[in-house]
């Protein structure tokens, strides 16, 4: 074991090889020979294309516990997705088991006026490859960069999703050292580059799964990247985007909705998610 591998997991909680293999099969990836940038890019892209960004647990009444092993099991074994805290925790555990050094970072999503959300609004990952290069990886921010971004570069970074920039935070809400992650000229979130622990995100995750002010409690979303765009279910609407444009179709029956979850996301549901207050969800939510 190299010094890099020994330092890759400061907690000492390494995933069993069998579970790592299950996770890799889940995303259709081979075990990389070494923890380098090329392998990180491939794993990142495959994760985005196979593991959906979804908030079904919130609307199915399922508990969300920020426990690394439980979240890996949810993604790799139960073949579900999750929101940022779940997806980036699970992906970070996989990367750590493959020899990368990984630390969670807290971020605050910026609204249309550039105002940041609550502390621990979002989780992203600091990933260090074997040569010491630091990358910003994020498989839990919906429609975002397809590839990891160089964390310490301050120039433009081209990506299939647009032109990205990691720059010092601007405005009175930014603390010294904070970074803004910008896509096509629009700041998306404000990142604090100091590493955090998983437990630090407990309050943020609780807020987003319980507060009526959180957009996650207001609607059901399930979305993943495709080879030519994105496919999403938003409440009962099926949305597809590609180079040819965008299509939208109402899923009028519970059977159609279940079929879409199964065929497009590999999620088999015994019951359909129901938005609190009776908005959205299955037919029974509208009865």
C-alpha atoms as a PDB file:
ATOM      1  CA  UNK A   1       0.000   0.000   0.000  1.00  0.00           C
ATOM      2  CA  UNK A   2       1.331   3.413  -0.978  1.00  0.00           C
ATOM      3  CA  UNK A   3       1.483   6.476   1.251  1.00  0.00           C
ATOM      4  CA  UNK A   4      -1.290   7.951  -0.896  1.00  0.00           C
ATOM      5  CA  UNK A   5      -3.513   4.921  -0.284  1.00  0.00           C
ATOM      6  CA  UNK A   6      -2.807   4.979   3.443  1.00  0.00           C
ATOM      7  CA  UNK A   7      -3.866   8.624   3.604  1.00  0.00           C
ATOM      8  CA  UNK A   8      -6.905   8.184   1.374  1.00  0.00           C
ATOM      9  CA  UNK A   9      -9.308   7.360   4.201  1.00  0.00           C
ATOM     10  CA  UNK A  10      -8.743   9.331   7.405  1.00  0.00           C
ATOM     11  CA  UNK A  11     -11.610   7.508   9.144  1.00  0.00           C
ATOM     12  CA  UNK A  12     -10.276   4.019   8.473  1.00  0.00           C
ATOM     13  CA  UNK A  13     -13.730   2.885   7.289  1.00  0.00           C
ATOM     14  CA  UNK A  14     -12.882   1.142   4.018  1.00  0.00           C
ATOM     15  CA  UNK A  15     -15.623  -0.500   1.963  1.00  0.00           C
ATOM     16  CA  UNK A  16     -15.308  -4.281   1.521  1.00  0.00           C
ATOM     17  CA  UNK A  17     -14.002  -5.336  -1.902  1.00  0.00           C
ATOM     18  CA  UNK A  18     -17.256  -7.121  -2.692  1.00  0.00           C
ATOM     19  CA  UNK A  19     -19.283  -3.973  -2.101  1.00  0.00           C
ATOM     20  CA  UNK A  20     -16.838  -1.931  -4.172  1.00  0.00           C
ATOM     21  CA  UNK A  21     -17.316  -4.388  -7.043  1.00  0.00           C
ATOM     22  CA  UNK A  22     -21.096  -4.161  -6.649  1.00  0.00           C
ATOM     23  CA  UNK A  23     -20.891  -0.370  -6.788  1.00  0.00           C
ATOM     24  CA  UNK A  24     -18.687  -0.460  -9.892  1.00  0.00           C
ATOM     25  CA  UNK A  25     -21.149  -2.798 -11.615  1.00  0.00           C
ATOM     26  CA  UNK A  26     -23.952  -0.428 -10.642  1.00  0.00           C
ATOM     27  CA  UNK A  27     -22.319   2.388 -12.613  1.00  0.00           C
ATOM     28  CA  UNK A  28     -20.936   0.164 -15.375  1.00  0.00           C
ATOM     29  CA  UNK A  29     -17.295   0.867 -14.578  1.00  0.00           C
ATOM     30  CA  UNK A  30     -14.152  -1.231 -14.346  1.00  0.00           C
ATOM     31  CA  UNK A  31     -11.930  -1.065 -11.280  1.00  0.00           C
ATOM     32  CA  UNK A  32      -9.254   1.496 -12.190  1.00  0.00           C
ATOM     33  CA  UNK A  33      -5.618   0.462 -12.114  1.00  0.00           C
ATOM     34  CA  UNK A  34      -4.628   3.611 -10.249  1.00  0.00           C
ATOM     35  CA  UNK A  35      -6.311   6.642  -8.655  1.00  0.00           C
ATOM     36  CA  UNK A  36      -5.512   9.102 -11.424  1.00  0.00           C
ATOM     37  CA  UNK A  37      -7.421  11.909 -13.124  1.00  0.00           C
ATOM     38  CA  UNK A  38      -8.497   9.861 -16.130  1.00  0.00           C
ATOM     39  CA  UNK A  39     -10.162   7.238 -13.963  1.00  0.00           C
ATOM     40  CA  UNK A  40     -11.807   9.932 -11.829  1.00  0.00           C
ATOM     41  CA  UNK A  41     -13.348  11.537 -14.913  1.00  0.00           C
ATOM     42  CA  UNK A  42     -14.683   8.192 -16.111  1.00  0.00           C
ATOM     43  CA  UNK A  43     -16.172   7.262 -12.738  1.00  0.00           C
ATOM     44  CA  UNK A  44     -17.727  10.718 -12.369  1.00  0.00           C
ATOM     45  CA  UNK A  45     -19.424  10.588 -15.779  1.00  0.00           C
ATOM     46  CA  UNK A  46     -20.667   7.026 -15.352  1.00  0.00           C
ATOM     47  CA  UNK A  47     -22.123   7.882 -11.949  1.00  0.00           C
ATOM     48  CA  UNK A  48     -24.062  10.803 -13.413  1.00  0.00           C
ATOM     49  CA  UNK A  49     -25.452   8.611 -16.199  1.00  0.00           C
ATOM     50  CA  UNK A  50     -26.561   5.714 -14.019  1.00  0.00           C
ATOM     51  CA  UNK A  51     -27.397   6.975 -10.511  1.00  0.00           C
ATOM     52  CA  UNK A  52     -30.270   9.471 -10.497  1.00  0.00           C
ATOM     53  CA  UNK A  53     -30.485  12.661  -8.532  1.00  0.00           C
ATOM     54  CA  UNK A  54     -33.788  12.034  -6.724  1.00  0.00           C
ATOM     55  CA  UNK A  55     -35.724  12.940  -3.600  1.00  0.00           C
ATOM     56  CA  UNK A  56     -38.160  10.021  -3.514  1.00  0.00           C
ATOM     57  CA  UNK A  57     -37.292   9.083   0.077  1.00  0.00           C
ATOM     58  CA  UNK A  58     -38.637  12.424   1.307  1.00  0.00           C
ATOM     59  CA  UNK A  59     -42.024  11.748  -0.283  1.00  0.00           C
ATOM     60  CA  UNK A  60     -42.140   8.031   0.493  1.00  0.00           C
ATOM     61  CA  UNK A  61     -41.681   8.613   4.217  1.00  0.00           C
ATOM     62  CA  UNK A  62     -38.297   6.866   4.198  1.00  0.00           C
ATOM     63  CA  UNK A  63     -35.735   7.979   6.745  1.00  0.00           C
ATOM     64  CA  UNK A  64     -32.522   9.522   5.438  1.00  0.00           C
ATOM     65  CA  UNK A  65     -29.578   8.815   7.713  1.00  0.00           C
ATOM     66  CA  UNK A  66     -26.172  10.305   6.968  1.00  0.00           C
ATOM     67  CA  UNK A  67     -24.301   7.058   7.439  1.00  0.00           C
ATOM     68  CA  UNK A  68     -21.716   6.214   4.808  1.00  0.00           C
ATOM     69  CA  UNK A  69     -22.312   2.472   4.652  1.00  0.00           C
ATOM     70  CA  UNK A  70     -26.107   2.872   4.591  1.00  0.00           C
ATOM     71  CA  UNK A  71     -25.874   5.328   1.713  1.00  0.00           C
ATOM     72  CA  UNK A  72     -23.513   3.114  -0.265  1.00  0.00           C
ATOM     73  CA  UNK A  73     -25.959   0.245   0.218  1.00  0.00           C
ATOM     74  CA  UNK A  74     -28.809   2.465  -0.989  1.00  0.00           C
ATOM     75  CA  UNK A  75     -26.977   3.375  -4.197  1.00  0.00           C
ATOM     76  CA  UNK A  76     -25.054   0.196  -4.960  1.00  0.00           C
ATOM     77  CA  UNK A  77     -27.300  -2.561  -3.586  1.00  0.00           C
ATOM     78  CA  UNK A  78     -30.821  -1.092  -3.568  1.00  0.00           C
ATOM     79  CA  UNK A  79     -29.984   0.688  -6.853  1.00  0.00           C
ATOM     80  CA  UNK A  80     -31.548   3.963  -5.825  1.00  0.00           C
ATOM     81  CA  UNK A  81     -30.301   7.517  -6.103  1.00  0.00           C
ATOM     82  CA  UNK A  82     -30.548  10.414  -3.687  1.00  0.00           C
ATOM     83  CA  UNK A  83     -29.874  14.098  -3.199  1.00  0.00           C
ATOM     84  CA  UNK A  84     -26.486  15.749  -2.737  1.00  0.00           C
ATOM     85  CA  UNK A  85     -25.664  14.505   0.762  1.00  0.00           C
ATOM     86  CA  UNK A  86     -26.480  10.933  -0.201  1.00  0.00           C
ATOM     87  CA  UNK A  87     -24.911  10.807  -3.657  1.00  0.00           C
ATOM     88  CA  UNK A  88     -21.660  12.566  -2.832  1.00  0.00           C
ATOM     89  CA  UNK A  89     -21.227  10.614   0.410  1.00  0.00           C
ATOM     90  CA  UNK A  90     -21.635   7.322  -1.442  1.00  0.00           C
ATOM     91  CA  UNK A  91     -19.429   8.379  -4.353  1.00  0.00           C
ATOM     92  CA  UNK A  92     -16.779   9.637  -1.955  1.00  0.00           C
ATOM     93  CA  UNK A  93     -16.736   6.275  -0.187  1.00  0.00           C
ATOM     94  CA  UNK A  94     -16.234   4.515  -3.513  1.00  0.00           C
ATOM     95  CA  UNK A  95     -13.395   6.829  -4.514  1.00  0.00           C
ATOM     96  CA  UNK A  96     -11.736   6.415  -1.136  1.00  0.00           C
ATOM     97  CA  UNK A  97     -11.850   2.645  -1.487  1.00  0.00           C
ATOM     98  CA  UNK A  98     -10.180   2.997  -4.894  1.00  0.00           C
ATOM     99  CA  UNK A  99      -7.243   4.938  -3.451  1.00  0.00           C
ATOM    100  CA  UNK A 100      -8.270   8.571  -3.819  1.00  0.00           C
ATOM    101  CA  UNK A 101      -8.050  10.998  -0.949  1.00  0.00           C
ATOM    102  CA  UNK A 102     -11.536  12.437  -0.428  1.00  0.00           C
ATOM    103  CA  UNK A 103     -12.967  15.115   1.865  1.00  0.00           C
ATOM    104  CA  UNK A 104     -16.514  16.545   1.911  1.00  0.00           C
ATOM    105  CA  UNK A 105     -16.881  20.283   1.375  1.00  0.00           C
ATOM    106  CA  UNK A 106     -19.826  22.445   2.367  1.00  0.00           C
ATOM    107  CA  UNK A 107     -21.419  24.851  -0.080  1.00  0.00           C
ATOM    108  CA  UNK A 108     -24.341  27.267  -0.202  1.00  0.00           C
ATOM    109  CA  UNK A 109     -26.441  27.355  -3.360  1.00  0.00           C
ATOM    110  CA  UNK A 110     -26.784  30.844  -4.854  1.00  0.00           C
ATOM    111  CA  UNK A 111     -30.193  32.102  -5.969  1.00  0.00           C
ATOM    112  CA  UNK A 112     -30.918  34.229  -9.036  1.00  0.00           C
ATOM    113  CA  UNK A 113     -29.809  37.328  -7.136  1.00  0.00           C
ATOM    114  CA  UNK A 114     -26.572  35.729  -5.985  1.00  0.00           C
ATOM    115  CA  UNK A 115     -27.763  35.274  -2.410  1.00  0.00           C
ATOM    116  CA  UNK A 116     -26.449  32.136  -0.674  1.00  0.00           C
ATOM    117  CA  UNK A 117     -28.684  29.563   0.968  1.00  0.00           C
ATOM    118  CA  UNK A 118     -28.342  28.082   4.428  1.00  0.00           C
ATOM    119  CA  UNK A 119     -25.017  26.770   5.768  1.00  0.00           C
ATOM    120  CA  UNK A 120     -24.439  23.176   4.655  1.00  0.00           C
ATOM    121  CA  UNK A 121     -26.980  23.753   1.904  1.00  0.00           C
ATOM    122  CA  UNK A 122     -24.995  21.466  -0.394  1.00  0.00           C
ATOM    123  CA  UNK A 123     -22.218  18.888  -0.214  1.00  0.00           C
ATOM    124  CA  UNK A 124     -19.453  18.584  -2.796  1.00  0.00           C
ATOM    125  CA  UNK A 125     -16.199  16.616  -2.734  1.00  0.00           C
ATOM    126  CA  UNK A 126     -12.531  17.515  -2.658  1.00  0.00           C
ATOM    127  CA  UNK A 127     -10.755  14.637  -4.413  1.00  0.00           C
ATOM    128  CA  UNK A 128      -6.990  14.328  -4.566  1.00  0.00           C
ATOM    129  CA  UNK A 129      -5.462  12.114  -7.243  1.00  0.00           C
ATOM    130  CA  UNK A 130      -2.225  10.196  -6.855  1.00  0.00           C
ATOM    131  CA  UNK A 131      -0.147  13.084  -8.210  1.00  0.00           C
ATOM    132  CA  UNK A 132      -1.538  15.463  -5.577  1.00  0.00           C
ATOM    133  CA  UNK A 133      -3.855  17.388  -7.921  1.00  0.00           C
ATOM    134  CA  UNK A 134      -7.012  18.604  -6.172  1.00  0.00           C
ATOM    135  CA  UNK A 135     -10.347  18.225  -7.936  1.00  0.00           C
ATOM    136  CA  UNK A 136     -13.887  19.364  -7.204  1.00  0.00           C
ATOM    137  CA  UNK A 137     -16.160  16.379  -7.814  1.00  0.00           C
ATOM    138  CA  UNK A 138     -19.931  16.698  -7.563  1.00  0.00           C
ATOM    139  CA  UNK A 139     -22.416  14.000  -8.618  1.00  0.00           C
ATOM    140  CA  UNK A 140     -25.209  15.516  -6.521  1.00  0.00           C
ATOM    141  CA  UNK A 141     -26.093  18.866  -8.068  1.00  0.00           C
ATOM    142  CA  UNK A 142     -28.532  17.882 -10.791  1.00  0.00           C
ATOM    143  CA  UNK A 143     -27.616  19.506 -14.092  1.00  0.00           C
ATOM    144  CA  UNK A 144     -23.970  20.410 -13.458  1.00  0.00           C
ATOM    145  CA  UNK A 145     -20.509  19.666 -14.860  1.00  0.00           C
ATOM    146  CA  UNK A 146     -20.065  16.216 -16.371  1.00  0.00           C
ATOM    147  CA  UNK A 147     -16.436  16.063 -15.308  1.00  0.00           C
ATOM    148  CA  UNK A 148     -14.631  17.019 -12.097  1.00  0.00           C
ATOM    149  CA  UNK A 149     -13.272  20.561 -12.037  1.00  0.00           C
ATOM    150  CA  UNK A 150      -9.750  21.576 -11.083  1.00  0.00           C
ATOM    151  CA  UNK A 151     -10.218  23.123  -7.657  1.00  0.00           C
ATOM    152  CA  UNK A 152      -7.098  25.286  -7.702  1.00  0.00           C
ATOM    153  CA  UNK A 153      -7.328  26.540 -11.304  1.00  0.00           C
ATOM    154  CA  UNK A 154      -8.753  30.040 -11.726  1.00  0.00           C
ATOM    155  CA  UNK A 155      -9.169  30.049 -15.488  1.00  0.00           C
ATOM    156  CA  UNK A 156     -12.127  28.847 -17.535  1.00  0.00           C
ATOM    157  CA  UNK A 157     -12.692  25.088 -17.650  1.00  0.00           C
ATOM    158  CA  UNK A 158     -14.591  23.699 -20.631  1.00  0.00           C
ATOM    159  CA  UNK A 159     -17.057  20.884 -20.018  1.00  0.00           C
ATOM    160  CA  UNK A 160     -19.861  19.316 -22.090  1.00  0.00           C
ATOM    161  CA  UNK A 161     -22.300  21.123 -19.749  1.00  0.00           C
ATOM    162  CA  UNK A 162     -20.767  24.554 -20.360  1.00  0.00           C
ATOM    163  CA  UNK A 163     -17.845  26.750 -19.372  1.00  0.00           C
ATOM    164  CA  UNK A 164     -17.019  26.616 -15.676  1.00  0.00           C
ATOM    165  CA  UNK A 165     -14.969  28.856 -13.443  1.00  0.00           C
ATOM    166  CA  UNK A 166     -13.845  28.403  -9.847  1.00  0.00           C
ATOM    167  CA  UNK A 167     -13.088  31.882  -8.565  1.00  0.00           C
ATOM    168  CA  UNK A 168     -12.759  33.766  -5.259  1.00  0.00           C
ATOM    169  CA  UNK A 169     -16.188  34.602  -3.856  1.00  0.00           C
ATOM    170  CA  UNK A 170     -17.539  38.045  -4.636  1.00  0.00           C
ATOM    171  CA  UNK A 171     -19.852  40.250  -2.581  1.00  0.00           C
ATOM    172  CA  UNK A 172     -20.405  40.805   1.148  1.00  0.00           C
ATOM    173  CA  UNK A 173     -21.700  37.274   1.815  1.00  0.00           C
ATOM    174  CA  UNK A 174     -18.399  35.599   0.976  1.00  0.00           C
ATOM    175  CA  UNK A 175     -15.873  34.823   3.705  1.00  0.00           C
ATOM    176  CA  UNK A 176     -12.145  34.954   3.074  1.00  0.00           C
ATOM    177  CA  UNK A 177     -11.099  31.911   1.074  1.00  0.00           C
ATOM    178  CA  UNK A 178     -14.602  31.036  -0.162  1.00  0.00           C
ATOM    179  CA  UNK A 179     -14.930  30.098  -3.826  1.00  0.00           C
ATOM    180  CA  UNK A 180     -17.774  30.623  -6.265  1.00  0.00           C
ATOM    181  CA  UNK A 181     -18.445  27.853  -8.778  1.00  0.00           C
ATOM    182  CA  UNK A 182     -19.654  29.562 -11.951  1.00  0.00           C
ATOM    183  CA  UNK A 183     -21.303  28.027 -15.018  1.00  0.00           C
ATOM    184  CA  UNK A 184     -21.569  30.046 -18.229  1.00  0.00           C
ATOM    185  CA  UNK A 185     -21.096  33.257 -16.277  1.00  0.00           C
ATOM    186  CA  UNK A 186     -23.725  32.459 -13.630  1.00  0.00           C
ATOM    187  CA  UNK A 187     -22.551  31.656 -10.057  1.00  0.00           C
ATOM    188  CA  UNK A 188     -24.120  28.343  -9.004  1.00  0.00           C
ATOM    189  CA  UNK A 189     -22.859  27.808  -5.464  1.00  0.00           C
ATOM    190  CA  UNK A 190     -20.415  29.200  -2.932  1.00  0.00           C
ATOM    191  CA  UNK A 191     -17.884  26.692  -1.694  1.00  0.00           C
ATOM    192  CA  UNK A 192     -15.961  26.726   1.555  1.00  0.00           C
ATOM    193  CA  UNK A 193     -12.755  24.824   0.730  1.00  0.00           C
ATOM    194  CA  UNK A 194     -12.110  23.697   4.315  1.00  0.00           C
ATOM    195  CA  UNK A 195     -12.738  19.916   4.640  1.00  0.00           C
ATOM    196  CA  UNK A 196     -15.704  18.857   6.755  1.00  0.00           C
ATOM    197  CA  UNK A 197     -17.030  15.675   8.327  1.00  0.00           C
ATOM    198  CA  UNK A 198     -20.216  13.902   7.358  1.00  0.00           C
ATOM    199  CA  UNK A 199     -21.868  14.689  10.695  1.00  0.00           C
ATOM    200  CA  UNK A 200     -21.480  18.415   9.963  1.00  0.00           C
ATOM    201  CA  UNK A 201     -24.165  18.121   7.269  1.00  0.00           C
ATOM    202  CA  UNK A 202     -26.857  16.688   9.559  1.00  0.00           C
ATOM    203  CA  UNK A 203     -28.702  19.978  10.060  1.00  0.00           C
ATOM    204  CA  UNK A 204     -28.623  20.861   6.356  1.00  0.00           C
ATOM    205  CA  UNK A 205     -29.970  17.469   5.345  1.00  0.00           C
ATOM    206  CA  UNK A 206     -32.682  17.669   8.015  1.00  0.00           C
ATOM    207  CA  UNK A 207     -33.742  21.104   6.772  1.00  0.00           C
ATOM    208  CA  UNK A 208     -34.003  20.005   3.158  1.00  0.00           C
ATOM    209  CA  UNK A 209     -36.057  16.911   3.923  1.00  0.00           C
ATOM    210  CA  UNK A 210     -38.447  18.555   6.414  1.00  0.00           C
ATOM    211  CA  UNK A 211     -38.778  22.303   5.829  1.00  0.00           C
ATOM    212  CA  UNK A 212     -41.696  23.606   3.749  1.00  0.00           C
ATOM    213  CA  UNK A 213     -39.239  26.258   2.545  1.00  0.00           C
ATOM    214  CA  UNK A 214     -37.023  23.626   0.917  1.00  0.00           C
ATOM    215  CA  UNK A 215     -37.684  22.960  -2.757  1.00  0.00           C
ATOM    216  CA  UNK A 216     -37.094  19.261  -2.057  1.00  0.00           C
ATOM    217  CA  UNK A 217     -40.285  19.040   0.012  1.00  0.00           C
ATOM    218  CA  UNK A 218     -42.368  20.863  -2.602  1.00  0.00           C
ATOM    219  CA  UNK A 219     -42.004  18.494  -5.531  1.00  0.00           C
ATOM    220  CA  UNK A 220     -40.841  15.031  -6.548  1.00  0.00           C
ATOM    221  CA  UNK A 221     -37.775  14.917  -8.779  1.00  0.00           C
ATOM    222  CA  UNK A 222     -35.831  12.069 -10.348  1.00  0.00           C
ATOM    223  CA  UNK A 223     -33.232  12.947 -12.980  1.00  0.00           C
ATOM    224  CA  UNK A 224     -30.108  11.591 -14.611  1.00  0.00           C
ATOM    225  CA  UNK A 225     -27.698  12.459 -17.378  1.00  0.00           C
ATOM    226  CA  UNK A 226     -28.020  10.601 -20.697  1.00  0.00           C
ATOM    227  CA  UNK A 227     -25.701  10.223 -23.651  1.00  0.00           C
ATOM    228  CA  UNK A 228     -27.282  13.174 -25.443  1.00  0.00           C
ATOM    229  CA  UNK A 229     -28.985  15.178 -22.714  1.00  0.00           C
ATOM    230  CA  UNK A 230     -31.052  14.460 -19.624  1.00  0.00           C
ATOM    231  CA  UNK A 231     -34.180  12.553 -18.629  1.00  0.00           C
ATOM    232  CA  UNK A 232     -36.266  13.603 -15.619  1.00  0.00           C
ATOM    233  CA  UNK A 233     -39.526  12.958 -13.838  1.00  0.00           C
ATOM    234  CA  UNK A 234     -40.878  16.076 -12.145  1.00  0.00           C
ATOM    235  CA  UNK A 235     -43.969  15.143 -10.145  1.00  0.00           C
ATOM    236  CA  UNK A 236     -45.982  13.474 -12.951  1.00  0.00           C
ATOM    237  CA  UNK A 237     -44.221  15.062 -15.928  1.00  0.00           C
ATOM    238  CA  UNK A 238     -41.648  13.197 -18.002  1.00  0.00           C
ATOM    239  CA  UNK A 239     -39.025  15.605 -19.348  1.00  0.00           C
ATOM    240  CA  UNK A 240     -36.354  14.838 -21.935  1.00  0.00           C
ATOM    241  CA  UNK A 241     -33.696  17.214 -23.214  1.00  0.00           C
ATOM    242  CA  UNK A 242     -31.266  16.586 -26.059  1.00  0.00           C
ATOM    243  CA  UNK A 243     -29.522  18.414 -28.864  1.00  0.00           C
ATOM    244  CA  UNK A 244     -32.871  18.362 -30.689  1.00  0.00           C
ATOM    245  CA  UNK A 245     -34.603  20.286 -27.915  1.00  0.00           C
ATOM    246  CA  UNK A 246     -36.923  19.480 -25.040  1.00  0.00           C
ATOM    247  CA  UNK A 247     -40.016  17.316 -24.831  1.00  0.00           C
ATOM    248  CA  UNK A 248     -42.539  17.048 -22.016  1.00  0.00           C
ATOM    249  CA  UNK A 249     -45.270  14.494 -21.419  1.00  0.00           C
ATOM    250  CA  UNK A 250     -47.783  14.056 -18.629  1.00  0.00           C
ATOM    251  CA  UNK A 251     -47.776  10.586 -17.052  1.00  0.00           C
ATOM    252  CA  UNK A 252     -51.496  10.302 -16.573  1.00  0.00           C
ATOM    253  CA  UNK A 253     -51.801   7.022 -14.689  1.00  0.00           C
ATOM    254  CA  UNK A 254     -49.982   5.378 -11.807  1.00  0.00           C
ATOM    255  CA  UNK A 255     -49.056   2.515 -14.132  1.00  0.00           C
ATOM    256  CA  UNK A 256     -47.341   4.922 -16.543  1.00  0.00           C
ATOM    257  CA  UNK A 257     -45.502   6.599 -13.675  1.00  0.00           C
ATOM    258  CA  UNK A 258     -44.275   3.308 -12.219  1.00  0.00           C
ATOM    259  CA  UNK A 259     -43.184   2.155 -15.678  1.00  0.00           C
ATOM    260  CA  UNK A 260     -41.185   5.343 -16.237  1.00  0.00           C
ATOM    261  CA  UNK A 261     -39.386   4.990 -12.900  1.00  0.00           C
ATOM    262  CA  UNK A 262     -38.598   1.363 -13.684  1.00  0.00           C
ATOM    263  CA  UNK A 263     -37.560   1.656 -17.323  1.00  0.00           C
ATOM    264  CA  UNK A 264     -35.707   4.977 -17.191  1.00  0.00           C
ATOM    265  CA  UNK A 265     -34.144   4.832 -13.734  1.00  0.00           C
ATOM    266  CA  UNK A 266     -34.251   1.173 -12.692  1.00  0.00           C
ATOM    267  CA  UNK A 267     -36.368   2.066  -9.650  1.00  0.00           C
ATOM    268  CA  UNK A 268     -39.186  -0.343  -8.794  1.00  0.00           C
ATOM    269  CA  UNK A 269     -41.730   1.232  -6.451  1.00  0.00           C
ATOM    270  CA  UNK A 270     -44.344  -0.570  -4.363  1.00  0.00           C
ATOM    271  CA  UNK A 271     -45.981   2.786  -3.721  1.00  0.00           C
ATOM    272  CA  UNK A 272     -45.641   6.132  -5.408  1.00  0.00           C
ATOM    273  CA  UNK A 273     -44.171   9.219  -3.731  1.00  0.00           C
ATOM    274  CA  UNK A 274     -46.727  11.706  -2.450  1.00  0.00           C
ATOM    275  CA  UNK A 275     -45.861  15.375  -1.984  1.00  0.00           C
ATOM    276  CA  UNK A 276     -46.964  16.739   1.384  1.00  0.00           C
ATOM    277  CA  UNK A 277     -50.181  18.709   1.088  1.00  0.00           C
ATOM    278  CA  UNK A 278     -51.512  16.387  -1.599  1.00  0.00           C
ATOM    279  CA  UNK A 279     -49.716  18.032  -4.541  1.00  0.00           C
ATOM    280  CA  UNK A 280     -48.203  15.619  -7.029  1.00  0.00           C
ATOM    281  CA  UNK A 281     -47.395  11.982  -6.375  1.00  0.00           C
ATOM    282  CA  UNK A 282     -49.645   9.152  -7.486  1.00  0.00           C
ATOM    283  CA  UNK A 283     -53.300   9.101  -8.420  1.00  0.00           C
ATOM    284  CA  UNK A 284     -54.167   8.413  -4.807  1.00  0.00           C
ATOM    285  CA  UNK A 285     -52.614  11.750  -3.816  1.00  0.00           C
ATOM    286  CA  UNK A 286     -55.187  13.586  -5.888  1.00  0.00           C
ATOM    287  CA  UNK A 287     -58.182  11.590  -4.704  1.00  0.00           C
END
